[in-house]
Amino acid sequence: MKTILYNTTTNQTVGKIREGSYSGIWNSAMSEQPGWTPEHIVELEVIESEKPATELNEYATSEWMVEDTGSMAGKIYKQVWTVHELSQEEIELREAQADWTHPEWAKRIVAPIELILDDTGIKMYGWFQLNNFPVEKVDDTTVHLYCNVILPQHQAIVDALDETVTVEDRPQILSV
């Protein structure tokens, strides 16, 4: 059984979800008297639920709620999921980002694999690898190099390869 402490005065959780009971571990960081729990702090049973399956035009969010069972001692802290429909703009963004496998990176350089075999490409590829930037072989002809900015020392390489490589920005929703 998982539990969490709950402040009935502020209606907020105290601490983290814990495997087992909090009984007897209320410590001096939370109270002057170890093992003593103030009256307004109660232990609730945590009920987690599985994220529901969603369609391509949906997403799910969860919220934690205290379920009323009559007395505070019998209440539970329950995870409740809601499925939402994506807006047309969100669907278009999801489709645009479908092949953007590293969404934490704002840019990607699309380059032919042969580039990796010449001196310039080897240096660029090596720099990405040494700095733990994602490099992904897309197919037998193309590689993606992900980054957030093109550094000044690399801009000359990108400019020199203008006919060979493409720099793409991660698709985003534009505010109107």
C-alpha atoms as a PDB file:
ATOM      1  CA  MET A   1       0.000   0.000   0.000  1.00  0.00           C
ATOM      2  CA  LYS A   2       1.231   3.509  -0.836  1.00  0.00           C
ATOM      3  CA  THR A   3       0.489   6.487   1.406  1.00  0.00           C
ATOM      4  CA  ILE A   4       0.974  10.237   1.603  1.00  0.00           C
ATOM      5  CA  LEU A   5       0.566  12.802   4.367  1.00  0.00           C
ATOM      6  CA  TYR A   6      -2.138  15.427   3.894  1.00  0.00           C
ATOM      7  CA  ASN A   7      -2.599  18.769   5.647  1.00  0.00           C
ATOM      8  CA  THR A   8      -6.327  19.216   6.326  1.00  0.00           C
ATOM      9  CA  THR A   9      -5.822  22.924   7.111  1.00  0.00           C
ATOM     10  CA  THR A  10      -4.202  23.843   3.789  1.00  0.00           C
ATOM     11  CA  ASN A  11      -5.701  20.959   1.759  1.00  0.00           C
ATOM     12  CA  GLN A  12      -2.258  20.109   0.390  1.00  0.00           C
ATOM     13  CA  THR A  13      -0.053  17.058   0.475  1.00  0.00           C
ATOM     14  CA  VAL A  14       2.981  16.985   2.733  1.00  0.00           C
ATOM     15  CA  GLY A  15       6.049  15.144   1.479  1.00  0.00           C
ATOM     16  CA  LYS A  16       6.133  12.437  -1.149  1.00  0.00           C
ATOM     17  CA  ILE A  17       4.166   9.312  -1.926  1.00  0.00           C
ATOM     18  CA  ARG A  18       5.676   6.505   0.104  1.00  0.00           C
ATOM     19  CA  GLU A  19       5.567   2.744  -0.179  1.00  0.00           C
ATOM     20  CA  GLY A  20       4.056   1.657   3.138  1.00  0.00           C
ATOM     21  CA  SER A  21       2.859   3.719   6.056  1.00  0.00           C
ATOM     22  CA  TYR A  22       4.245   6.983   7.382  1.00  0.00           C
ATOM     23  CA  SER A  23       3.358   5.885  10.932  1.00  0.00           C
ATOM     24  CA  GLY A  24       6.237   6.436  13.307  1.00  0.00           C
ATOM     25  CA  ILE A  25       8.525   8.215  10.828  1.00  0.00           C
ATOM     26  CA  TRP A  26       7.249  11.760  11.245  1.00  0.00           C
ATOM     27  CA  ASN A  27      10.660  13.325  11.875  1.00  0.00           C
ATOM     28  CA  SER A  28      12.176  16.383  13.469  1.00  0.00           C
ATOM     29  CA  ALA A  29      12.420  18.108  10.074  1.00  0.00           C
ATOM     30  CA  MET A  30       8.613  18.303  10.103  1.00  0.00           C
ATOM     31  CA  SER A  31       7.940  18.493  13.824  1.00  0.00           C
ATOM     32  CA  GLU A  32       9.642  19.273  17.089  1.00  0.00           C
ATOM     33  CA  GLN A  33       8.797  15.805  18.369  1.00  0.00           C
ATOM     34  CA  PRO A  34       9.858  12.775  16.284  1.00  0.00           C
ATOM     35  CA  GLY A  35       7.056  10.226  15.958  1.00  0.00           C
ATOM     36  CA  TRP A  36       4.371  12.775  16.754  1.00  0.00           C
ATOM     37  CA  THR A  37       1.930  13.919  14.040  1.00  0.00           C
ATOM     38  CA  PRO A  38      -0.121  17.115  14.454  1.00  0.00           C
ATOM     39  CA  GLU A  39      -3.925  16.674  14.371  1.00  0.00           C
ATOM     40  CA  HIS A  40      -4.280  18.505  11.046  1.00  0.00           C
ATOM     41  CA  ILE A  41      -1.898  16.064   9.304  1.00  0.00           C
ATOM     42  CA  VAL A  42      -3.478  12.775   8.240  1.00  0.00           C
ATOM     43  CA  GLU A  43      -2.179   9.798   6.324  1.00  0.00           C
ATOM     44  CA  LEU A  44      -4.086   8.963   3.135  1.00  0.00           C
ATOM     45  CA  GLU A  45      -3.956   5.800   1.063  1.00  0.00           C
ATOM     46  CA  VAL A  46      -2.698   6.518  -2.463  1.00  0.00           C
ATOM     47  CA  ILE A  47      -4.585   4.979  -5.372  1.00  0.00           C
ATOM     48  CA  GLU A  48      -2.688   5.331  -8.668  1.00  0.00           C
ATOM     49  CA  SER A  49      -4.437   4.543 -11.915  1.00  0.00           C
ATOM     50  CA  GLU A  50      -3.170   3.599 -15.339  1.00  0.00           C
ATOM     51  CA  LYS A  51      -3.050   6.267 -18.022  1.00  0.00           C
ATOM     52  CA  PRO A  52      -5.931   5.671 -20.454  1.00  0.00           C
ATOM     53  CA  ALA A  53      -5.253   4.846 -24.085  1.00  0.00           C
ATOM     54  CA  THR A  54      -5.688   7.824 -26.394  1.00  0.00           C
ATOM     55  CA  GLU A  55      -6.372   8.251 -30.081  1.00  0.00           C
ATOM     56  CA  LEU A  56      -4.075  10.281 -32.354  1.00  0.00           C
ATOM     57  CA  ASN A  57      -6.257  13.374 -31.836  1.00  0.00           C
ATOM     58  CA  GLU A  58      -6.309  13.092 -28.020  1.00  0.00           C
ATOM     59  CA  TYR A  59      -4.073  13.476 -24.977  1.00  0.00           C
ATOM     60  CA  ALA A  60      -4.526  12.613 -21.314  1.00  0.00           C
ATOM     61  CA  THR A  61      -3.803  14.633 -18.173  1.00  0.00           C
ATOM     62  CA  SER A  62      -3.933  13.475 -14.576  1.00  0.00           C
ATOM     63  CA  GLU A  63      -4.977  15.196 -11.405  1.00  0.00           C
ATOM     64  CA  TRP A  64      -4.724  14.042  -7.818  1.00  0.00           C
ATOM     65  CA  MET A  65      -7.855  14.332  -5.689  1.00  0.00           C
ATOM     66  CA  VAL A  66      -8.839  13.510  -2.149  1.00  0.00           C
ATOM     67  CA  GLU A  67     -11.843  11.229  -2.428  1.00  0.00           C
ATOM     68  CA  ASP A  68     -14.387  11.827   0.293  1.00  0.00           C
ATOM     69  CA  THR A  69     -15.434   8.668   2.094  1.00  0.00           C
ATOM     70  CA  GLY A  70     -17.039  10.347   5.085  1.00  0.00           C
ATOM     71  CA  SER A  71     -14.335  10.775   7.704  1.00  0.00           C
ATOM     72  CA  MET A  72     -10.886  12.206   7.047  1.00  0.00           C
ATOM     73  CA  ALA A  73      -9.252   9.014   8.330  1.00  0.00           C
ATOM     74  CA  GLY A  74     -10.972   6.980   5.600  1.00  0.00           C
ATOM     75  CA  LYS A  75     -10.168   9.296   2.703  1.00  0.00           C
ATOM     76  CA  ILE A  76      -7.941   8.296  -0.163  1.00  0.00           C
ATOM     77  CA  TYR A  77      -5.648  10.249  -2.473  1.00  0.00           C
ATOM     78  CA  LYS A  78      -6.646   9.182  -5.968  1.00  0.00           C
ATOM     79  CA  GLN A  79      -5.210   9.810  -9.429  1.00  0.00           C
ATOM     80  CA  VAL A  80      -7.922  10.778 -11.912  1.00  0.00           C
ATOM     81  CA  TRP A  81      -7.293  10.958 -15.673  1.00  0.00           C
ATOM     82  CA  THR A  82      -9.082  13.155 -18.196  1.00  0.00           C
ATOM     83  CA  VAL A  83      -8.865  12.639 -21.959  1.00  0.00           C
ATOM     84  CA  HIS A  84      -8.886  15.841 -24.024  1.00  0.00           C
ATOM     85  CA  GLU A  85      -9.220  16.372 -27.758  1.00  0.00           C
ATOM     86  CA  LEU A  86      -6.394  18.161 -29.530  1.00  0.00           C
ATOM     87  CA  SER A  87      -7.217  21.374 -31.344  1.00  0.00           C
ATOM     88  CA  GLN A  88      -6.660  21.482 -35.112  1.00  0.00           C
ATOM     89  CA  GLU A  89      -3.512  23.550 -34.478  1.00  0.00           C
ATOM     90  CA  GLU A  90      -2.184  20.934 -32.006  1.00  0.00           C
ATOM     91  CA  ILE A  91      -2.917  18.106 -34.474  1.00  0.00           C
ATOM     92  CA  GLU A  92      -0.993  19.958 -37.193  1.00  0.00           C
ATOM     93  CA  LEU A  93       1.926  20.547 -34.819  1.00  0.00           C
ATOM     94  CA  ARG A  94       1.980  16.882 -33.774  1.00  0.00           C
ATOM     95  CA  GLU A  95       2.036  15.840 -37.445  1.00  0.00           C
ATOM     96  CA  ALA A  96       4.780  18.371 -38.232  1.00  0.00           C
ATOM     97  CA  GLN A  97       6.903  17.070 -35.333  1.00  0.00           C
ATOM     98  CA  ALA A  98       6.241  13.373 -36.054  1.00  0.00           C
ATOM     99  CA  ASP A  99       9.742  12.767 -37.415  1.00  0.00           C
ATOM    100  CA  TRP A 100      11.456  15.137 -34.953  1.00  0.00           C
ATOM    101  CA  THR A 101      12.810  12.383 -32.710  1.00  0.00           C
ATOM    102  CA  HIS A 102      14.590  14.691 -30.241  1.00  0.00           C
ATOM    103  CA  PRO A 103      12.039  17.412 -29.318  1.00  0.00           C
ATOM    104  CA  GLU A 104      14.362  18.821 -26.631  1.00  0.00           C
ATOM    105  CA  TRP A 105      16.585  20.162 -29.456  1.00  0.00           C
ATOM    106  CA  ALA A 106      15.432  23.225 -31.434  1.00  0.00           C
ATOM    107  CA  LYS A 107      17.443  22.650 -34.623  1.00  0.00           C
ATOM    108  CA  ARG A 108      18.638  19.798 -36.740  1.00  0.00           C
ATOM    109  CA  ILE A 109      21.077  19.593 -39.571  1.00  0.00           C
ATOM    110  CA  VAL A 110      19.939  17.230 -42.312  1.00  0.00           C
ATOM    111  CA  ALA A 111      23.004  15.911 -44.131  1.00  0.00           C
ATOM    112  CA  PRO A 112      23.854  13.153 -46.586  1.00  0.00           C
ATOM    113  CA  ILE A 113      25.731  10.231 -45.072  1.00  0.00           C
ATOM    114  CA  GLU A 114      28.573  10.715 -47.594  1.00  0.00           C
ATOM    115  CA  LEU A 115      29.332  13.989 -45.802  1.00  0.00           C
ATOM    116  CA  ILE A 116      30.454  12.019 -42.757  1.00  0.00           C
ATOM    117  CA  LEU A 117      33.141  10.389 -44.893  1.00  0.00           C
ATOM    118  CA  ASP A 118      34.968  13.602 -45.889  1.00  0.00           C
ATOM    119  CA  ASP A 119      37.300  15.621 -43.659  1.00  0.00           C
ATOM    120  CA  THR A 120      34.810  18.406 -42.849  1.00  0.00           C
ATOM    121  CA  GLY A 121      32.003  15.981 -42.096  1.00  0.00           C
ATOM    122  CA  ILE A 122      34.178  13.818 -39.881  1.00  0.00           C
ATOM    123  CA  LYS A 123      35.099  16.861 -37.776  1.00  0.00           C
ATOM    124  CA  MET A 124      31.475  18.002 -37.500  1.00  0.00           C
ATOM    125  CA  TYR A 125      30.209  14.488 -36.688  1.00  0.00           C
ATOM    126  CA  GLY A 126      33.002  14.026 -34.140  1.00  0.00           C
ATOM    127  CA  TRP A 127      32.177  17.325 -32.453  1.00  0.00           C
ATOM    128  CA  PHE A 128      28.501  16.307 -32.113  1.00  0.00           C
ATOM    129  CA  GLN A 129      29.481  12.913 -30.695  1.00  0.00           C
ATOM    130  CA  LEU A 130      32.023  14.335 -28.213  1.00  0.00           C
ATOM    131  CA  ASN A 131      29.447  16.808 -26.896  1.00  0.00           C
ATOM    132  CA  ASN A 132      26.686  14.180 -26.563  1.00  0.00           C
ATOM    133  CA  PHE A 133      24.436  15.790 -29.160  1.00  0.00           C
ATOM    134  CA  PRO A 134      22.030  13.363 -30.841  1.00  0.00           C
ATOM    135  CA  VAL A 135      23.164  12.036 -34.218  1.00  0.00           C
ATOM    136  CA  GLU A 136      20.653   9.816 -35.936  1.00  0.00           C
ATOM    137  CA  LYS A 137      20.960   7.771 -39.105  1.00  0.00           C
ATOM    138  CA  VAL A 138      17.608   8.251 -40.830  1.00  0.00           C
ATOM    139  CA  ASP A 139      18.133   5.861 -43.745  1.00  0.00           C
ATOM    140  CA  ASP A 140      20.958   4.731 -46.027  1.00  0.00           C
ATOM    141  CA  THR A 141      21.415   8.245 -47.405  1.00  0.00           C
ATOM    142  CA  THR A 142      20.618  10.749 -44.627  1.00  0.00           C
ATOM    143  CA  VAL A 143      21.759  11.656 -41.119  1.00  0.00           C
ATOM    144  CA  HIS A 144      20.205  14.131 -38.632  1.00  0.00           C
ATOM    145  CA  LEU A 145      22.443  16.128 -36.267  1.00  0.00           C
ATOM    146  CA  TYR A 146      20.408  17.791 -33.474  1.00  0.00           C
ATOM    147  CA  CYS A 147      21.411  20.999 -31.655  1.00  0.00           C
ATOM    148  CA  ASN A 148      19.883  24.178 -30.204  1.00  0.00           C
ATOM    149  CA  VAL A 149      22.040  26.718 -32.050  1.00  0.00           C
ATOM    150  CA  ILE A 150      24.611  26.702 -34.815  1.00  0.00           C
ATOM    151  CA  LEU A 151      27.766  27.887 -33.050  1.00  0.00           C
ATOM    152  CA  PRO A 152      29.781  30.672 -34.713  1.00  0.00           C
ATOM    153  CA  GLN A 153      32.729  28.310 -35.280  1.00  0.00           C
ATOM    154  CA  HIS A 154      30.400  25.927 -37.153  1.00  0.00           C
ATOM    155  CA  GLN A 155      28.475  28.525 -39.159  1.00  0.00           C
ATOM    156  CA  ALA A 156      31.248  28.680 -41.780  1.00  0.00           C
ATOM    157  CA  ILE A 157      30.999  24.895 -42.246  1.00  0.00           C
ATOM    158  CA  VAL A 158      27.212  25.095 -42.592  1.00  0.00           C
ATOM    159  CA  ASP A 159      27.546  27.998 -45.057  1.00  0.00           C
ATOM    160  CA  ALA A 160      30.160  26.103 -47.108  1.00  0.00           C
ATOM    161  CA  LEU A 161      27.825  23.098 -47.260  1.00  0.00           C
ATOM    162  CA  ASP A 162      24.757  25.179 -48.161  1.00  0.00           C
ATOM    163  CA  GLU A 163      24.025  23.041 -51.204  1.00  0.00           C
ATOM    164  CA  THR A 164      24.608  19.812 -49.260  1.00  0.00           C
ATOM    165  CA  VAL A 165      22.995  20.284 -45.816  1.00  0.00           C
ATOM    166  CA  THR A 166      19.755  21.802 -44.586  1.00  0.00           C
ATOM    167  CA  VAL A 167      19.251  23.420 -41.191  1.00  0.00           C
ATOM    168  CA  GLU A 168      15.695  22.963 -39.912  1.00  0.00           C
ATOM    169  CA  ASP A 169      13.958  24.576 -36.937  1.00  0.00           C
ATOM    170  CA  ARG A 170      11.693  22.393 -34.789  1.00  0.00           C
ATOM    171  CA  PRO A 171       8.084  23.003 -35.860  1.00  0.00           C
ATOM    172  CA  GLN A 172       6.187  25.186 -33.393  1.00  0.00           C
ATOM    173  CA  ILE A 173       2.738  26.681 -33.059  1.00  0.00           C
ATOM    174  CA  LEU A 174       2.911  30.305 -34.120  1.00  0.00           C
ATOM    175  CA  SER A 175       0.867  32.651 -31.949  1.00  0.00           C
ATOM    176  CA  VAL A 176      -1.468  34.896 -33.905  1.00  0.00           C
END
